[in-house]
C-alpha atoms as a PDB file:
ATOM      1  CA  UNK A   1      91.571  99.210  99.972  1.00  0.00           C
ATOM      2  CA  UNK A   2      91.173  96.257  97.617  1.00  0.00           C
ATOM      3  CA  UNK A   3      88.665  96.343  94.774  1.00  0.00           C
ATOM      4  CA  UNK A   4      85.436  94.433  95.209  1.00  0.00           C
ATOM      5  CA  UNK A   5      84.423  91.700  92.764  1.00  0.00           C
ATOM      6  CA  UNK A   6      81.061  91.680  90.988  1.00  0.00           C
ATOM      7  CA  UNK A   7      79.669  89.772  93.989  1.00  0.00           C
ATOM      8  CA  UNK A   8      80.925  92.336  96.482  1.00  0.00           C
ATOM      9  CA  UNK A   9      83.796  90.119  97.685  1.00  0.00           C
ATOM     10  CA  UNK A  10      87.312  91.323  98.355  1.00  0.00           C
ATOM     11  CA  UNK A  11      90.081  89.345  96.660  1.00  0.00           C
ATOM     12  CA  UNK A  12      92.135  87.283  99.083  1.00  0.00           C
ATOM     13  CA  UNK A  13      95.833  87.855  99.523  1.00  0.00           C
ATOM     14  CA  UNK A  14      97.803  85.145  97.740  1.00  0.00           C
ATOM     15  CA  UNK A  15     101.228  85.865  99.239  1.00  0.00           C
ATOM     16  CA  UNK A  16     102.158  83.022 101.633  1.00  0.00           C
ATOM     17  CA  UNK A  17     102.676  83.989 105.282  1.00  0.00           C
ATOM     18  CA  UNK A  18     106.288  82.752 105.331  1.00  0.00           C
ATOM     19  CA  UNK A  19     107.061  85.087 102.393  1.00  0.00           C
ATOM     20  CA  UNK A  20     105.432  88.065 104.132  1.00  0.00           C
ATOM     21  CA  UNK A  21     107.472  87.393 107.278  1.00  0.00           C
ATOM     22  CA  UNK A  22     110.680  87.063 105.242  1.00  0.00           C
ATOM     23  CA  UNK A  23     110.036  90.327 103.391  1.00  0.00           C
ATOM     24  CA  UNK A  24     109.226  92.136 106.653  1.00  0.00           C
ATOM     25  CA  UNK A  25     112.486  90.926 108.223  1.00  0.00           C
ATOM     26  CA  UNK A  26     114.447  91.964 105.100  1.00  0.00           C
ATOM     27  CA  UNK A  27     112.818  95.399 105.295  1.00  0.00           C
ATOM     28  CA  UNK A  28     113.684  95.679 108.999  1.00  0.00           C
ATOM     29  CA  UNK A  29     117.299  94.635 108.380  1.00  0.00           C
ATOM     30  CA  UNK A  30     117.761  97.018 105.459  1.00  0.00           C
ATOM     31  CA  UNK A  31     116.221  99.949 107.318  1.00  0.00           C
ATOM     32  CA  UNK A  32     118.513  99.440 110.312  1.00  0.00           C
ATOM     33  CA  UNK A  33     115.695  98.449 112.658  1.00  0.00           C
ATOM     34  CA  UNK A  34     117.947  95.678 114.026  1.00  0.00           C
ATOM     35  CA  UNK A  35     121.390  96.579 115.330  1.00  0.00           C
ATOM     36  CA  UNK A  36     124.271  94.546 113.829  1.00  0.00           C
ATOM     37  CA  UNK A  37     125.050  91.782 116.314  1.00  0.00           C
ATOM     38  CA  UNK A  38     121.651  92.091 118.023  1.00  0.00           C
ATOM     39  CA  UNK A  39     120.244  88.783 119.270  1.00  0.00           C
ATOM     40  CA  UNK A  40     116.931  87.891 117.602  1.00  0.00           C
ATOM     41  CA  UNK A  41     114.654  85.069 118.701  1.00  0.00           C
ATOM     42  CA  UNK A  42     111.891  83.502 116.647  1.00  0.00           C
ATOM     43  CA  UNK A  43     109.531  83.530 119.628  1.00  0.00           C
ATOM     44  CA  UNK A  44     109.824  87.284 120.227  1.00  0.00           C
ATOM     45  CA  UNK A  45     109.607  88.191 116.552  1.00  0.00           C
ATOM     46  CA  UNK A  46     106.674  85.810 115.976  1.00  0.00           C
ATOM     47  CA  UNK A  47     104.802  87.455 118.834  1.00  0.00           C
ATOM     48  CA  UNK A  48     105.525  90.911 117.441  1.00  0.00           C
ATOM     49  CA  UNK A  49     104.453  89.863 113.926  1.00  0.00           C
ATOM     50  CA  UNK A  50     101.384  88.000 115.151  1.00  0.00           C
ATOM     51  CA  UNK A  51     102.453  84.642 113.705  1.00  0.00           C
ATOM     52  CA  UNK A  52     103.710  81.295 114.928  1.00  0.00           C
ATOM     53  CA  UNK A  53     107.447  80.587 115.216  1.00  0.00           C
ATOM     54  CA  UNK A  54     107.574  78.519 112.020  1.00  0.00           C
ATOM     55  CA  UNK A  55     107.431  81.318 109.400  1.00  0.00           C
ATOM     56  CA  UNK A  56     110.011  83.283 111.401  1.00  0.00           C
ATOM     57  CA  UNK A  57     112.346  80.274 111.572  1.00  0.00           C
ATOM     58  CA  UNK A  58     111.905  79.798 107.822  1.00  0.00           C
ATOM     59  CA  UNK A  59     112.850  83.452 107.253  1.00  0.00           C
ATOM     60  CA  UNK A  60     115.843  83.031 109.586  1.00  0.00           C
ATOM     61  CA  UNK A  61     117.120  80.125 107.466  1.00  0.00           C
ATOM     62  CA  UNK A  62     116.776  82.120 104.247  1.00  0.00           C
ATOM     63  CA  UNK A  63     118.519  85.131 105.771  1.00  0.00           C
ATOM     64  CA  UNK A  64     121.317  82.950 107.157  1.00  0.00           C
ATOM     65  CA  UNK A  65     121.873  81.569 103.639  1.00  0.00           C
ATOM     66  CA  UNK A  66     122.270  85.180 102.466  1.00  0.00           C
ATOM     67  CA  UNK A  67     124.615  85.854 105.416  1.00  0.00           C
ATOM     68  CA  UNK A  68     122.326  88.583 106.674  1.00  0.00           C
ATOM     69  CA  UNK A  69     121.936  86.720 109.982  1.00  0.00           C
ATOM     70  CA  UNK A  70     124.386  84.554 111.905  1.00  0.00           C
ATOM     71  CA  UNK A  71     123.185  81.439 113.754  1.00  0.00           C
ATOM     72  CA  UNK A  72     123.679  81.067 117.484  1.00  0.00           C
ATOM     73  CA  UNK A  73     123.920  77.741 119.356  1.00  0.00           C
ATOM     74  CA  UNK A  74     120.507  78.085 121.049  1.00  0.00           C
ATOM     75  CA  UNK A  75     118.523  78.497 117.816  1.00  0.00           C
ATOM     76  CA  UNK A  76     118.400  82.272 117.923  1.00  0.00           C
ATOM     77  CA  UNK A  77     120.307  84.441 115.444  1.00  0.00           C
ATOM     78  CA  UNK A  78     122.355  87.618 115.431  1.00  0.00           C
ATOM     79  CA  UNK A  79     122.203  90.389 112.892  1.00  0.00           C
ATOM     80  CA  UNK A  80     125.234  90.309 110.620  1.00  0.00           C
ATOM     81  CA  UNK A  81     127.613  93.253 110.269  1.00  0.00           C
ATOM     82  CA  UNK A  82     126.129  94.268 106.918  1.00  0.00           C
ATOM     83  CA  UNK A  83     122.566  95.603 106.894  1.00  0.00           C
ATOM     84  CA  UNK A  84     121.885  94.660 103.263  1.00  0.00           C
ATOM     85  CA  UNK A  85     121.505  90.934 102.602  1.00  0.00           C
ATOM     86  CA  UNK A  86     123.189  89.840  99.381  1.00  0.00           C
ATOM     87  CA  UNK A  87     120.606  88.865  96.789  1.00  0.00           C
ATOM     88  CA  UNK A  88     117.816  90.631  98.676  1.00  0.00           C
ATOM     89  CA  UNK A  89     114.924  92.298  96.880  1.00  0.00           C
ATOM     90  CA  UNK A  90     115.353  96.010  96.194  1.00  0.00           C
END
């Protein structure tokens, strides 16, 4: 639980939503939660994460740049063969 300020308020989280979504997808990829080659859609993942599609699509683009995901023609992605994105946080 977060510490309260002198006024009894709880500090707000300053991590942007798109970063939280990205880090959650990296964690899922690295832990093997997604099968290599598995089709992933932003709509399904956004629903599961409780967000809109936009932060998921942003995370998809970052993960594609790291070659952790492969783009598909319809805007969805597939998990790459390697479960550890290059340049990912430890």
